[in-house]
């Protein structure tokens, strides 16, 4: 019985709207697949975003087009525990993408960084995006209906591991961003130009200085 409930919960997160976990979006299957596709696209596109602002603009375009998936997912309520963890993993993918897109766009306009440094920063973001995206591939195990040999515990172990890993990568992306902003702030302070950095990054600077 528990296995049936868990399978339904996982399926509801990606494919169905079941009784104990009602989705408030019209097509949850496309919603989840859209998130996975967006993550794939950003991870792929960010590999080529390291040379010009024009290339990065393509990454921004992909993110902004897919942001509606996250906005829709945030409105989903009353999921059972197993399904909610899957939902949270997907939402953290959105957070990782948002941190990257929002802050790197600001860094492109930051005179504190050279073009070469921006390439290096973008490469770091691309790597973190790829690692985060890989977690989604692991998560697919629990919603693949052909994976019938998995026990309830096996499935929950996968969900828990994905949740922990995605939270770690979300935190790493936040830490990486803050370290780069800190470099800009310290350089600006030497030039008595901290107001410019404060205006550019806003609260991201205020929280740490």
N, C-alpha and C. Protein backbone atom coordinates (compact mmCIF):
# COMPACT_ATOMS: atom_id res chain seq x y z
N UNK A 1 0.82 -1.20 0.00
CA UNK A 1 0.00 0.00 0.00
C UNK A 1 0.86 1.26 0.00
N UNK A 2 1.90 1.22 0.87
CA UNK A 2 2.78 2.40 0.92
C UNK A 2 3.48 2.62 -0.42
N UNK A 3 3.86 1.48 -1.05
CA UNK A 3 4.52 1.60 -2.35
C UNK A 3 3.60 2.26 -3.36
N UNK A 4 2.34 1.88 -3.33
CA UNK A 4 1.37 2.47 -4.26
C UNK A 4 1.23 3.97 -4.03
N UNK A 5 1.16 4.36 -2.75
CA UNK A 5 1.03 5.78 -2.43
C UNK A 5 2.25 6.55 -2.91
N UNK A 6 3.45 5.98 -2.67
CA UNK A 6 4.67 6.67 -3.06
C UNK A 6 4.78 6.81 -4.56
N UNK A 7 4.42 5.74 -5.29
CA UNK A 7 4.45 5.80 -6.74
C UNK A 7 3.50 6.87 -7.26
N UNK A 8 2.32 6.94 -6.65
CA UNK A 8 1.35 7.96 -7.06
C UNK A 8 1.86 9.36 -6.76
N UNK A 9 2.53 9.50 -5.62
CA UNK A 9 3.04 10.82 -5.24
C UNK A 9 4.10 11.29 -6.21
N UNK A 10 5.02 10.38 -6.55
CA UNK A 10 6.06 10.75 -7.50
C UNK A 10 5.48 11.04 -8.88
N UNK A 11 4.53 10.20 -9.28
CA UNK A 11 3.90 10.41 -10.58
C UNK A 11 3.15 11.72 -10.63
N UNK A 12 2.53 12.08 -9.51
CA UNK A 12 1.78 13.34 -9.48
C UNK A 12 2.69 14.52 -9.67
N UNK A 13 3.89 14.42 -9.16
CA UNK A 13 4.82 15.54 -9.27
C UNK A 13 5.20 15.80 -10.70
N UNK A 14 5.24 14.73 -11.51
CA UNK A 14 5.70 14.89 -12.88
C UNK A 14 4.61 14.67 -13.92
N UNK A 15 3.58 13.87 -13.60
CA UNK A 15 2.65 13.48 -14.65
C UNK A 15 1.18 13.67 -14.32
N UNK A 16 0.78 13.45 -13.08
CA UNK A 16 -0.64 13.40 -12.77
C UNK A 16 -1.01 14.36 -11.67
N UNK A 17 -2.31 14.58 -11.51
CA UNK A 17 -2.82 15.28 -10.35
C UNK A 17 -3.62 14.26 -9.55
N UNK A 18 -3.04 13.78 -8.44
CA UNK A 18 -3.73 12.75 -7.69
C UNK A 18 -4.40 13.32 -6.46
N UNK A 19 -5.24 12.50 -5.82
CA UNK A 19 -6.16 13.01 -4.81
C UNK A 19 -5.49 13.74 -3.68
N UNK A 20 -4.37 13.24 -3.16
CA UNK A 20 -3.75 13.87 -2.00
C UNK A 20 -2.73 14.92 -2.37
N UNK A 21 -2.55 15.20 -3.66
CA UNK A 21 -1.53 16.16 -4.07
C UNK A 21 -2.00 16.87 -5.33
N UNK A 22 -2.99 17.74 -5.18
CA UNK A 22 -3.59 18.38 -6.32
C UNK A 22 -2.69 19.49 -6.87
N UNK A 23 -2.47 19.45 -8.19
CA UNK A 23 -1.74 20.51 -8.86
C UNK A 23 -2.73 21.60 -9.24
N UNK A 24 -2.25 22.82 -9.22
CA UNK A 24 -3.11 23.93 -9.63
C UNK A 24 -2.63 24.50 -10.95
N UNK A 25 -2.04 23.65 -11.76
CA UNK A 25 -1.66 24.05 -13.10
C UNK A 25 -2.34 23.08 -14.06
N UNK A 26 -2.52 23.49 -15.29
CA UNK A 26 -3.34 22.71 -16.20
C UNK A 26 -2.64 21.46 -16.72
N UNK A 27 -1.32 21.48 -16.84
CA UNK A 27 -0.62 20.35 -17.44
C UNK A 27 0.68 20.09 -16.68
N UNK A 28 0.62 19.39 -15.56
CA UNK A 28 1.81 19.18 -14.74
C UNK A 28 2.90 18.38 -15.44
N UNK A 29 2.52 17.48 -16.36
CA UNK A 29 3.54 16.73 -17.08
C UNK A 29 4.42 17.65 -17.90
N UNK A 30 3.81 18.57 -18.64
CA UNK A 30 4.58 19.53 -19.42
C UNK A 30 5.34 20.50 -18.53
N UNK A 31 4.77 20.81 -17.38
CA UNK A 31 5.43 21.71 -16.43
C UNK A 31 6.76 21.14 -16.01
N UNK A 32 6.76 19.91 -15.53
CA UNK A 32 8.00 19.29 -15.06
C UNK A 32 8.98 19.09 -16.20
N UNK A 33 8.48 18.64 -17.36
CA UNK A 33 9.38 18.42 -18.49
C UNK A 33 9.96 19.73 -18.98
N UNK A 34 9.18 20.80 -18.90
CA UNK A 34 9.69 22.11 -19.28
C UNK A 34 10.84 22.54 -18.39
N UNK A 35 10.76 22.24 -17.11
CA UNK A 35 11.83 22.58 -16.18
C UNK A 35 13.10 21.80 -16.53
N UNK A 36 12.93 20.52 -16.79
CA UNK A 36 14.09 19.69 -17.14
C UNK A 36 14.72 20.17 -18.45
N UNK A 37 13.88 20.47 -19.43
CA UNK A 37 14.40 20.95 -20.71
C UNK A 37 15.12 22.28 -20.55
N UNK A 38 14.54 23.17 -19.75
CA UNK A 38 15.17 24.46 -19.53
C UNK A 38 16.53 24.29 -18.88
N UNK A 39 16.61 23.41 -17.89
CA UNK A 39 17.88 23.18 -17.22
C UNK A 39 18.92 22.62 -18.18
N UNK A 40 18.48 21.67 -19.02
CA UNK A 40 19.38 21.12 -20.05
C UNK A 40 19.90 22.24 -20.96
N UNK A 41 18.99 23.09 -21.39
CA UNK A 41 19.36 24.16 -22.33
C UNK A 41 20.30 25.18 -21.71
N UNK A 42 20.03 25.57 -20.47
CA UNK A 42 20.90 26.53 -19.82
C UNK A 42 22.28 25.94 -19.58
N UNK A 43 22.31 24.68 -19.12
CA UNK A 43 23.60 24.03 -18.88
C UNK A 43 24.40 23.95 -20.17
N UNK A 44 23.72 23.64 -21.27
CA UNK A 44 24.42 23.54 -22.56
C UNK A 44 24.85 24.91 -23.06
N UNK A 45 23.92 25.87 -23.02
CA UNK A 45 24.20 27.18 -23.57
C UNK A 45 25.25 27.92 -22.76
N UNK A 46 25.28 27.69 -21.45
CA UNK A 46 26.24 28.40 -20.61
C UNK A 46 27.68 28.01 -20.93
N UNK A 47 27.86 26.85 -21.58
CA UNK A 47 29.21 26.46 -22.00
C UNK A 47 29.76 27.42 -23.04
N UNK A 48 28.85 28.00 -23.84
CA UNK A 48 29.28 28.89 -24.91
C UNK A 48 29.09 30.36 -24.54
N UNK A 49 28.75 30.62 -23.30
CA UNK A 49 28.46 32.00 -22.88
C UNK A 49 29.67 32.69 -22.30
N UNK A 50 30.84 32.11 -22.47
CA UNK A 50 32.01 32.62 -21.76
C UNK A 50 32.81 33.64 -22.54
N UNK A 51 32.43 33.92 -23.78
CA UNK A 51 33.25 34.82 -24.57
C UNK A 51 32.63 36.19 -24.82
N UNK A 52 31.34 36.23 -25.05
CA UNK A 52 30.71 37.50 -25.36
C UNK A 52 29.39 37.67 -24.63
N UNK A 53 29.04 38.93 -24.42
CA UNK A 53 27.76 39.23 -23.79
C UNK A 53 26.61 38.77 -24.66
N UNK A 54 26.82 38.74 -25.98
CA UNK A 54 25.77 38.31 -26.88
C UNK A 54 25.43 36.84 -26.66
N UNK A 55 26.44 36.01 -26.44
CA UNK A 55 26.19 34.61 -26.17
C UNK A 55 25.46 34.43 -24.85
N UNK A 56 25.84 35.20 -23.84
CA UNK A 56 25.16 35.10 -22.56
C UNK A 56 23.71 35.53 -22.68
N UNK A 57 23.44 36.46 -23.57
CA UNK A 57 22.07 36.91 -23.77
C UNK A 57 21.17 35.75 -24.18
N UNK A 58 21.71 34.76 -24.88
CA UNK A 58 20.92 33.60 -25.25
C UNK A 58 20.55 32.78 -24.02
N UNK A 59 21.48 32.67 -23.07
CA UNK A 59 21.19 31.99 -21.81
C UNK A 59 20.08 32.72 -21.05
N UNK A 60 20.17 34.04 -21.02
CA UNK A 60 19.14 34.84 -20.36
C UNK A 60 17.78 34.61 -21.01
N UNK A 61 17.78 34.55 -22.33
CA UNK A 61 16.53 34.35 -23.06
C UNK A 61 15.89 33.01 -22.69
N UNK A 62 16.70 31.96 -22.62
CA UNK A 62 16.18 30.65 -22.25
C UNK A 62 15.60 30.68 -20.85
N UNK A 63 16.33 31.31 -19.93
CA UNK A 63 15.85 31.38 -18.54
C UNK A 63 14.53 32.15 -18.45
N UNK A 64 14.47 33.30 -19.09
CA UNK A 64 13.27 34.13 -18.98
C UNK A 64 12.05 33.46 -19.62
N UNK A 65 12.28 32.71 -20.70
CA UNK A 65 11.17 32.00 -21.33
C UNK A 65 10.64 30.89 -20.44
N UNK A 66 11.54 30.27 -19.68
CA UNK A 66 11.14 29.12 -18.87
C UNK A 66 10.76 29.48 -17.44
N UNK A 67 10.95 30.73 -17.05
CA UNK A 67 10.67 31.13 -15.68
C UNK A 67 9.22 30.88 -15.28
N UNK A 68 8.34 30.87 -16.25
CA UNK A 68 6.92 30.63 -15.95
C UNK A 68 6.70 29.24 -15.36
N UNK A 69 7.58 28.29 -15.70
CA UNK A 69 7.46 26.96 -15.12
C UNK A 69 7.67 27.02 -13.60
N UNK A 70 8.65 27.80 -13.18
CA UNK A 70 8.91 27.91 -11.75
C UNK A 70 7.82 28.69 -11.04
N UNK A 71 7.34 29.72 -11.69
CA UNK A 71 6.25 30.48 -11.09
C UNK A 71 5.02 29.60 -10.91
N UNK A 72 4.76 28.73 -11.88
CA UNK A 72 3.63 27.81 -11.77
C UNK A 72 3.87 26.78 -10.67
N UNK A 73 5.08 26.26 -10.61
CA UNK A 73 5.39 25.23 -9.62
C UNK A 73 5.29 25.76 -8.20
N UNK A 74 5.65 27.03 -8.01
CA UNK A 74 5.56 27.63 -6.68
C UNK A 74 4.13 27.69 -6.16
N UNK A 75 3.18 27.66 -7.08
CA UNK A 75 1.78 27.77 -6.68
C UNK A 75 1.16 26.43 -6.31
N UNK A 76 1.93 25.35 -6.46
CA UNK A 76 1.42 24.02 -6.13
C UNK A 76 1.43 23.83 -4.63
N UNK A 77 0.29 23.42 -4.06
CA UNK A 77 0.17 23.25 -2.62
C UNK A 77 -0.31 21.85 -2.26
N UNK A 78 -0.17 21.53 -0.98
CA UNK A 78 -0.75 20.31 -0.41
C UNK A 78 -0.18 19.02 -1.00
N UNK A 79 1.09 19.05 -1.36
CA UNK A 79 1.73 17.82 -1.82
C UNK A 79 2.08 16.94 -0.62
N UNK A 80 2.05 15.63 -0.83
CA UNK A 80 2.51 14.73 0.22
C UNK A 80 4.01 14.89 0.36
N UNK A 81 4.56 14.36 1.45
CA UNK A 81 5.96 14.62 1.77
C UNK A 81 6.91 14.22 0.65
N UNK A 82 6.73 13.03 0.08
CA UNK A 82 7.64 12.56 -0.95
C UNK A 82 7.60 13.46 -2.18
N UNK A 83 6.38 13.83 -2.58
CA UNK A 83 6.23 14.67 -3.75
C UNK A 83 6.76 16.08 -3.50
N UNK A 84 6.61 16.57 -2.28
CA UNK A 84 7.09 17.91 -1.99
C UNK A 84 8.60 18.00 -2.11
N UNK A 85 9.30 16.95 -1.71
CA UNK A 85 10.76 16.97 -1.85
C UNK A 85 11.18 17.04 -3.31
N UNK A 86 10.44 16.33 -4.16
CA UNK A 86 10.73 16.40 -5.59
C UNK A 86 10.47 17.82 -6.09
N UNK A 87 9.37 18.38 -5.66
CA UNK A 87 9.05 19.76 -6.04
C UNK A 87 10.16 20.71 -5.62
N UNK A 88 10.67 20.55 -4.40
CA UNK A 88 11.71 21.44 -3.90
C UNK A 88 13.00 21.32 -4.70
N UNK A 89 13.31 20.10 -5.14
CA UNK A 89 14.50 19.93 -5.98
C UNK A 89 14.35 20.74 -7.27
N UNK A 90 13.19 20.65 -7.89
CA UNK A 90 12.96 21.39 -9.12
C UNK A 90 13.02 22.89 -8.89
N UNK A 91 12.45 23.34 -7.78
CA UNK A 91 12.49 24.77 -7.48
C UNK A 91 13.92 25.24 -7.23
N UNK A 92 14.74 24.38 -6.63
CA UNK A 92 16.14 24.77 -6.40
C UNK A 92 16.92 24.88 -7.71
N UNK A 93 16.53 24.09 -8.71
CA UNK A 93 17.13 24.26 -10.03
C UNK A 93 16.84 25.67 -10.55
N UNK A 94 15.62 26.12 -10.32
CA UNK A 94 15.25 27.47 -10.70
C UNK A 94 16.05 28.52 -9.95
N UNK A 95 16.29 28.29 -8.66
CA UNK A 95 17.07 29.23 -7.87
C UNK A 95 18.50 29.32 -8.37
N UNK A 96 19.10 28.16 -8.69
CA UNK A 96 20.46 28.14 -9.22
C UNK A 96 20.53 28.95 -10.51
N UNK A 97 19.58 28.73 -11.39
CA UNK A 97 19.55 29.45 -12.66
C UNK A 97 19.38 30.95 -12.44
N UNK A 98 18.50 31.31 -11.52
CA UNK A 98 18.24 32.73 -11.25
C UNK A 98 19.47 33.42 -10.67
N UNK A 99 20.14 32.77 -9.72
CA UNK A 99 21.35 33.35 -9.13
C UNK A 99 22.39 33.61 -10.21
N UNK A 100 22.58 32.61 -11.07
CA UNK A 100 23.56 32.73 -12.15
C UNK A 100 23.20 33.85 -13.11
N UNK A 101 22.00 33.79 -13.67
CA UNK A 101 21.60 34.75 -14.69
C UNK A 101 21.58 36.17 -14.14
N UNK A 102 20.97 36.36 -12.98
CA UNK A 102 20.84 37.70 -12.40
C UNK A 102 22.19 38.34 -12.10
N UNK A 103 23.06 37.59 -11.45
CA UNK A 103 24.32 38.17 -11.00
C UNK A 103 25.38 38.26 -12.09
N UNK A 104 25.44 37.26 -12.97
CA UNK A 104 26.45 37.35 -14.03
C UNK A 104 26.11 38.48 -14.99
N UNK A 105 24.84 38.73 -15.20
CA UNK A 105 24.45 39.86 -16.05
C UNK A 105 24.98 41.17 -15.45
N UNK A 106 24.93 41.29 -14.13
CA UNK A 106 25.47 42.49 -13.48
C UNK A 106 26.99 42.53 -13.59
N UNK A 107 27.63 41.37 -13.46
CA UNK A 107 29.09 41.32 -13.54
C UNK A 107 29.60 41.74 -14.91
N UNK A 108 28.81 41.45 -15.95
CA UNK A 108 29.20 41.86 -17.30
C UNK A 108 29.32 43.38 -17.41
N UNK A 109 28.59 44.10 -16.57
CA UNK A 109 28.66 45.56 -16.58
C UNK A 109 29.51 46.13 -15.47
N UNK A 110 30.28 45.28 -14.81
CA UNK A 110 31.11 45.69 -13.68
C UNK A 110 32.53 45.96 -14.16
N UNK A 111 32.95 47.22 -14.05
CA UNK A 111 34.29 47.59 -14.52
C UNK A 111 35.40 46.96 -13.68
N UNK A 112 35.06 46.36 -12.56
CA UNK A 112 36.07 45.73 -11.72
C UNK A 112 36.65 44.47 -12.36
N UNK A 113 35.93 43.88 -13.29
CA UNK A 113 36.35 42.62 -13.90
C UNK A 113 36.82 42.82 -15.33
N UNK A 114 37.93 42.17 -15.66
CA UNK A 114 38.41 42.17 -17.04
C UNK A 114 37.62 41.15 -17.84
N UNK A 115 37.76 41.23 -19.17
CA UNK A 115 37.07 40.27 -20.04
C UNK A 115 37.54 38.85 -19.74
N UNK A 116 38.82 38.69 -19.49
CA UNK A 116 39.36 37.36 -19.17
C UNK A 116 38.76 36.84 -17.86
N UNK A 117 38.66 37.70 -16.88
CA UNK A 117 38.08 37.28 -15.60
C UNK A 117 36.62 36.89 -15.75
N UNK A 118 35.89 37.61 -16.59
CA UNK A 118 34.49 37.27 -16.82
C UNK A 118 34.37 35.90 -17.49
N UNK A 119 35.30 35.59 -18.37
CA UNK A 119 35.32 34.26 -18.99
C UNK A 119 35.49 33.18 -17.93
N UNK A 120 36.41 33.42 -17.00
CA UNK A 120 36.68 32.45 -15.95
C UNK A 120 35.46 32.29 -15.04
N UNK A 121 34.86 33.41 -14.67
CA UNK A 121 33.66 33.38 -13.81
C UNK A 121 32.54 32.60 -14.50
N UNK A 122 32.33 32.89 -15.78
CA UNK A 122 31.28 32.21 -16.53
C UNK A 122 31.54 30.71 -16.63
N UNK A 123 32.80 30.34 -16.78
CA UNK A 123 33.15 28.92 -16.84
C UNK A 123 32.80 28.23 -15.52
N UNK A 124 33.06 28.92 -14.41
CA UNK A 124 32.70 28.38 -13.11
C UNK A 124 31.20 28.18 -12.97
N UNK A 125 30.44 29.16 -13.40
CA UNK A 125 28.98 29.03 -13.36
C UNK A 125 28.51 27.87 -14.24
N UNK A 126 29.10 27.76 -15.42
CA UNK A 126 28.70 26.69 -16.34
C UNK A 126 28.93 25.32 -15.72
N UNK A 127 30.05 25.17 -15.03
CA UNK A 127 30.35 23.90 -14.37
C UNK A 127 29.33 23.58 -13.29
N UNK A 128 29.01 24.57 -12.47
CA UNK A 128 28.03 24.36 -11.42
C UNK A 128 26.65 24.06 -11.99
N UNK A 129 26.31 24.72 -13.09
CA UNK A 129 25.03 24.44 -13.74
C UNK A 129 24.97 23.00 -14.25
N UNK A 130 26.06 22.54 -14.84
CA UNK A 130 26.10 21.18 -15.35
C UNK A 130 25.94 20.16 -14.22
N UNK A 131 26.62 20.41 -13.10
CA UNK A 131 26.52 19.50 -11.96
C UNK A 131 25.10 19.48 -11.40
N UNK A 132 24.49 20.64 -11.30
CA UNK A 132 23.12 20.72 -10.80
C UNK A 132 22.17 20.00 -11.73
N UNK A 133 22.38 20.17 -13.02
CA UNK A 133 21.52 19.52 -13.99
C UNK A 133 21.63 18.01 -13.92
N UNK A 134 22.81 17.51 -13.58
CA UNK A 134 23.00 16.07 -13.47
C UNK A 134 22.14 15.44 -12.39
N UNK A 135 21.82 16.21 -11.37
CA UNK A 135 20.98 15.70 -10.29
C UNK A 135 19.58 15.37 -10.80
N UNK A 136 19.11 16.15 -11.77
CA UNK A 136 17.78 15.87 -12.34
C UNK A 136 17.75 14.53 -13.04
N UNK A 137 18.87 14.15 -13.62
CA UNK A 137 18.91 12.84 -14.28
C UNK A 137 18.75 11.72 -13.25
N UNK A 138 19.36 11.90 -12.09
CA UNK A 138 19.21 10.91 -11.02
C UNK A 138 17.76 10.86 -10.52
N UNK A 139 17.17 12.02 -10.45
CA UNK A 139 15.80 12.11 -9.94
C UNK A 139 14.81 11.38 -10.84
N UNK A 140 15.13 11.28 -12.11
CA UNK A 140 14.23 10.62 -13.04
C UNK A 140 14.01 9.15 -12.68
N UNK A 141 14.95 8.58 -11.94
CA UNK A 141 14.80 7.18 -11.55
C UNK A 141 13.51 6.93 -10.78
N UNK A 142 13.12 7.86 -9.95
CA UNK A 142 11.96 7.63 -9.08
C UNK A 142 10.64 7.87 -9.77
N UNK A 143 10.67 8.48 -10.95
CA UNK A 143 9.41 8.71 -11.64
C UNK A 143 9.33 7.91 -12.94
N UNK A 144 10.32 7.06 -13.16
CA UNK A 144 10.30 6.19 -14.33
C UNK A 144 9.46 4.97 -14.01
N UNK A 145 8.33 4.84 -14.68
CA UNK A 145 7.39 3.76 -14.35
C UNK A 145 7.98 2.38 -14.62
N UNK A 146 9.05 2.30 -15.40
CA UNK A 146 9.67 1.01 -15.69
C UNK A 146 10.61 0.55 -14.59
N UNK A 147 10.87 1.45 -13.61
CA UNK A 147 11.79 1.11 -12.54
C UNK A 147 11.03 0.39 -11.43
N UNK A 148 10.42 -0.73 -11.76
CA UNK A 148 9.54 -1.42 -10.82
C UNK A 148 10.31 -2.20 -9.76
N UNK A 149 11.60 -2.44 -10.00
CA UNK A 149 12.37 -3.22 -9.03
C UNK A 149 12.78 -2.41 -7.81
N UNK A 150 12.59 -1.10 -7.86
CA UNK A 150 12.97 -0.25 -6.74
C UNK A 150 11.95 -0.38 -5.62
N UNK A 151 12.45 -0.51 -4.40
CA UNK A 151 11.56 -0.54 -3.24
C UNK A 151 11.20 0.88 -2.84
N UNK A 152 10.26 1.00 -1.92
CA UNK A 152 9.89 2.32 -1.40
C UNK A 152 11.11 3.01 -0.82
N UNK A 153 11.91 2.27 -0.07
CA UNK A 153 13.11 2.86 0.54
C UNK A 153 14.10 3.29 -0.52
N UNK A 154 14.25 2.48 -1.58
CA UNK A 154 15.16 2.85 -2.66
C UNK A 154 14.75 4.20 -3.27
N UNK A 155 13.46 4.33 -3.50
CA UNK A 155 12.97 5.56 -4.12
C UNK A 155 13.18 6.77 -3.20
N UNK A 156 12.86 6.60 -1.94
CA UNK A 156 13.03 7.71 -1.02
C UNK A 156 14.50 8.05 -0.82
N UNK A 157 15.36 7.04 -0.88
CA UNK A 157 16.80 7.30 -0.77
C UNK A 157 17.28 8.15 -1.94
N UNK A 158 16.75 7.86 -3.14
CA UNK A 158 17.12 8.65 -4.31
C UNK A 158 16.62 10.09 -4.16
N UNK A 159 15.36 10.24 -3.75
CA UNK A 159 14.79 11.59 -3.57
C UNK A 159 15.58 12.37 -2.53
N UNK A 160 15.87 11.73 -1.39
CA UNK A 160 16.61 12.41 -0.32
C UNK A 160 18.01 12.81 -0.78
N UNK A 161 18.68 11.91 -1.49
CA UNK A 161 20.04 12.20 -1.96
C UNK A 161 20.03 13.35 -2.96
N UNK A 162 19.05 13.36 -3.87
CA UNK A 162 18.93 14.44 -4.85
C UNK A 162 18.64 15.77 -4.15
N UNK A 163 17.79 15.72 -3.15
CA UNK A 163 17.43 16.93 -2.41
C UNK A 163 18.66 17.50 -1.71
N UNK A 164 19.44 16.64 -1.04
CA UNK A 164 20.65 17.10 -0.36
C UNK A 164 21.67 17.66 -1.35
N UNK A 165 21.85 16.97 -2.46
CA UNK A 165 22.84 17.40 -3.45
C UNK A 165 22.44 18.72 -4.09
N UNK A 166 21.16 18.86 -4.42
CA UNK A 166 20.73 20.11 -5.06
C UNK A 166 20.83 21.28 -4.10
N UNK A 167 20.52 21.05 -2.84
CA UNK A 167 20.65 22.12 -1.85
C UNK A 167 22.12 22.54 -1.73
N UNK A 168 23.01 21.55 -1.78
CA UNK A 168 24.45 21.84 -1.70
C UNK A 168 24.88 22.68 -2.90
N UNK A 169 24.45 22.32 -4.10
CA UNK A 169 24.85 23.08 -5.28
C UNK A 169 24.22 24.46 -5.31
N UNK A 170 22.99 24.57 -4.83
CA UNK A 170 22.40 25.90 -4.74
C UNK A 170 23.23 26.78 -3.82
N UNK A 171 23.65 26.22 -2.68
CA UNK A 171 24.47 26.99 -1.75
C UNK A 171 25.84 27.32 -2.34
N UNK A 172 26.39 26.38 -3.12
CA UNK A 172 27.68 26.62 -3.75
C UNK A 172 27.59 27.76 -4.77
N UNK A 173 26.51 27.79 -5.53
CA UNK A 173 26.34 28.86 -6.51
C UNK A 173 26.21 30.20 -5.79
N UNK A 174 25.47 30.21 -4.67
CA UNK A 174 25.36 31.44 -3.89
C UNK A 174 26.71 31.88 -3.33
N UNK A 175 27.48 30.92 -2.81
CA UNK A 175 28.80 31.22 -2.25
C UNK A 175 29.74 31.73 -3.35
N UNK A 176 29.73 31.06 -4.48
CA UNK A 176 30.57 31.46 -5.61
C UNK A 176 30.25 32.88 -6.06
N UNK A 177 28.97 33.18 -6.12
CA UNK A 177 28.54 34.53 -6.49
C UNK A 177 29.02 35.57 -5.50
N UNK A 178 28.84 35.27 -4.21
CA UNK A 178 29.25 36.23 -3.17
C UNK A 178 30.76 36.47 -3.17
N UNK A 179 31.54 35.42 -3.43
CA UNK A 179 33.00 35.58 -3.49
C UNK A 179 33.40 36.49 -4.64
N UNK A 180 32.75 36.34 -5.77
CA UNK A 180 33.07 37.20 -6.91
C UNK A 180 32.65 38.65 -6.66
N UNK A 181 31.50 38.82 -6.04
CA UNK A 181 31.07 40.17 -5.69
C UNK A 181 32.03 40.79 -4.68
N UNK A 182 32.52 39.97 -3.76
CA UNK A 182 33.48 40.46 -2.76
C UNK A 182 34.75 40.97 -3.43
N UNK A 183 35.21 40.29 -4.47
CA UNK A 183 36.39 40.75 -5.21
C UNK A 183 36.14 42.13 -5.80
N UNK A 184 34.97 42.29 -6.41
CA UNK A 184 34.62 43.59 -6.98
C UNK A 184 34.57 44.67 -5.90
N UNK A 185 33.98 44.33 -4.76
CA UNK A 185 33.85 45.31 -3.68
C UNK A 185 35.22 45.73 -3.16
N UNK A 186 36.11 44.78 -2.94
CA UNK A 186 37.44 45.09 -2.42
C UNK A 186 38.24 45.94 -3.41
N UNK A 187 38.12 45.65 -4.68
CA UNK A 187 38.81 46.46 -5.69
C UNK A 187 38.24 47.87 -5.72
N UNK A 188 36.93 47.96 -5.61
CA UNK A 188 36.30 49.28 -5.62
C UNK A 188 36.67 50.08 -4.38
N UNK A 189 36.80 49.40 -3.25
CA UNK A 189 37.16 50.11 -2.02
C UNK A 189 38.54 50.73 -2.12
N UNK A 190 39.45 50.07 -2.80
CA UNK A 190 40.80 50.63 -2.99
C UNK A 190 40.76 51.89 -3.83
N UNK A 191 39.74 51.98 -4.67
CA UNK A 191 39.61 53.15 -5.54
C UNK A 191 38.57 54.14 -5.01
N UNK A 192 38.12 53.91 -3.78
CA UNK A 192 37.07 54.75 -3.19
C UNK A 192 35.85 54.81 -4.11
N UNK A 193 35.47 53.64 -4.62
CA UNK A 193 34.39 53.56 -5.59
C UNK A 193 33.33 52.55 -5.15
N UNK A 194 33.16 52.42 -3.85
CA UNK A 194 32.24 51.38 -3.35
C UNK A 194 30.77 51.70 -3.64
N UNK A 195 30.45 52.97 -3.79
CA UNK A 195 29.06 53.34 -4.08
C UNK A 195 28.58 52.71 -5.38
N UNK A 196 29.48 52.65 -6.35
CA UNK A 196 29.12 52.06 -7.64
C UNK A 196 28.78 50.58 -7.48
N UNK A 197 29.59 49.86 -6.71
CA UNK A 197 29.37 48.43 -6.51
C UNK A 197 28.10 48.20 -5.70
N UNK A 198 27.90 49.04 -4.70
CA UNK A 198 26.68 48.92 -3.88
C UNK A 198 25.44 49.12 -4.73
N UNK A 199 25.51 50.10 -5.63
CA UNK A 199 24.37 50.38 -6.49
C UNK A 199 24.13 49.25 -7.49
N UNK A 200 25.22 48.61 -7.93
CA UNK A 200 25.11 47.55 -8.93
C UNK A 200 24.53 46.28 -8.34
N UNK A 201 25.06 45.87 -7.18
CA UNK A 201 24.67 44.58 -6.61
C UNK A 201 23.64 44.69 -5.48
N UNK A 202 23.45 45.90 -4.96
CA UNK A 202 22.42 46.12 -3.96
C UNK A 202 22.58 45.28 -2.71
N UNK A 203 21.51 44.58 -2.35
CA UNK A 203 21.48 43.80 -1.12
C UNK A 203 22.53 42.70 -1.07
N UNK A 204 22.96 42.23 -2.24
CA UNK A 204 23.97 41.17 -2.27
C UNK A 204 25.25 41.64 -1.60
N UNK A 205 25.56 42.93 -1.68
CA UNK A 205 26.73 43.49 -1.01
C UNK A 205 26.40 43.76 0.45
N UNK A 206 25.27 44.35 0.71
CA UNK A 206 24.90 44.75 2.06
C UNK A 206 24.88 43.59 3.03
N UNK A 207 24.51 42.41 2.58
CA UNK A 207 24.41 41.26 3.46
C UNK A 207 25.77 40.79 3.97
N UNK A 208 26.81 41.09 3.23
CA UNK A 208 28.10 40.50 3.58
C UNK A 208 29.17 41.53 3.93
N UNK A 209 28.83 42.83 3.88
CA UNK A 209 29.83 43.84 4.21
C UNK A 209 29.23 44.89 5.14
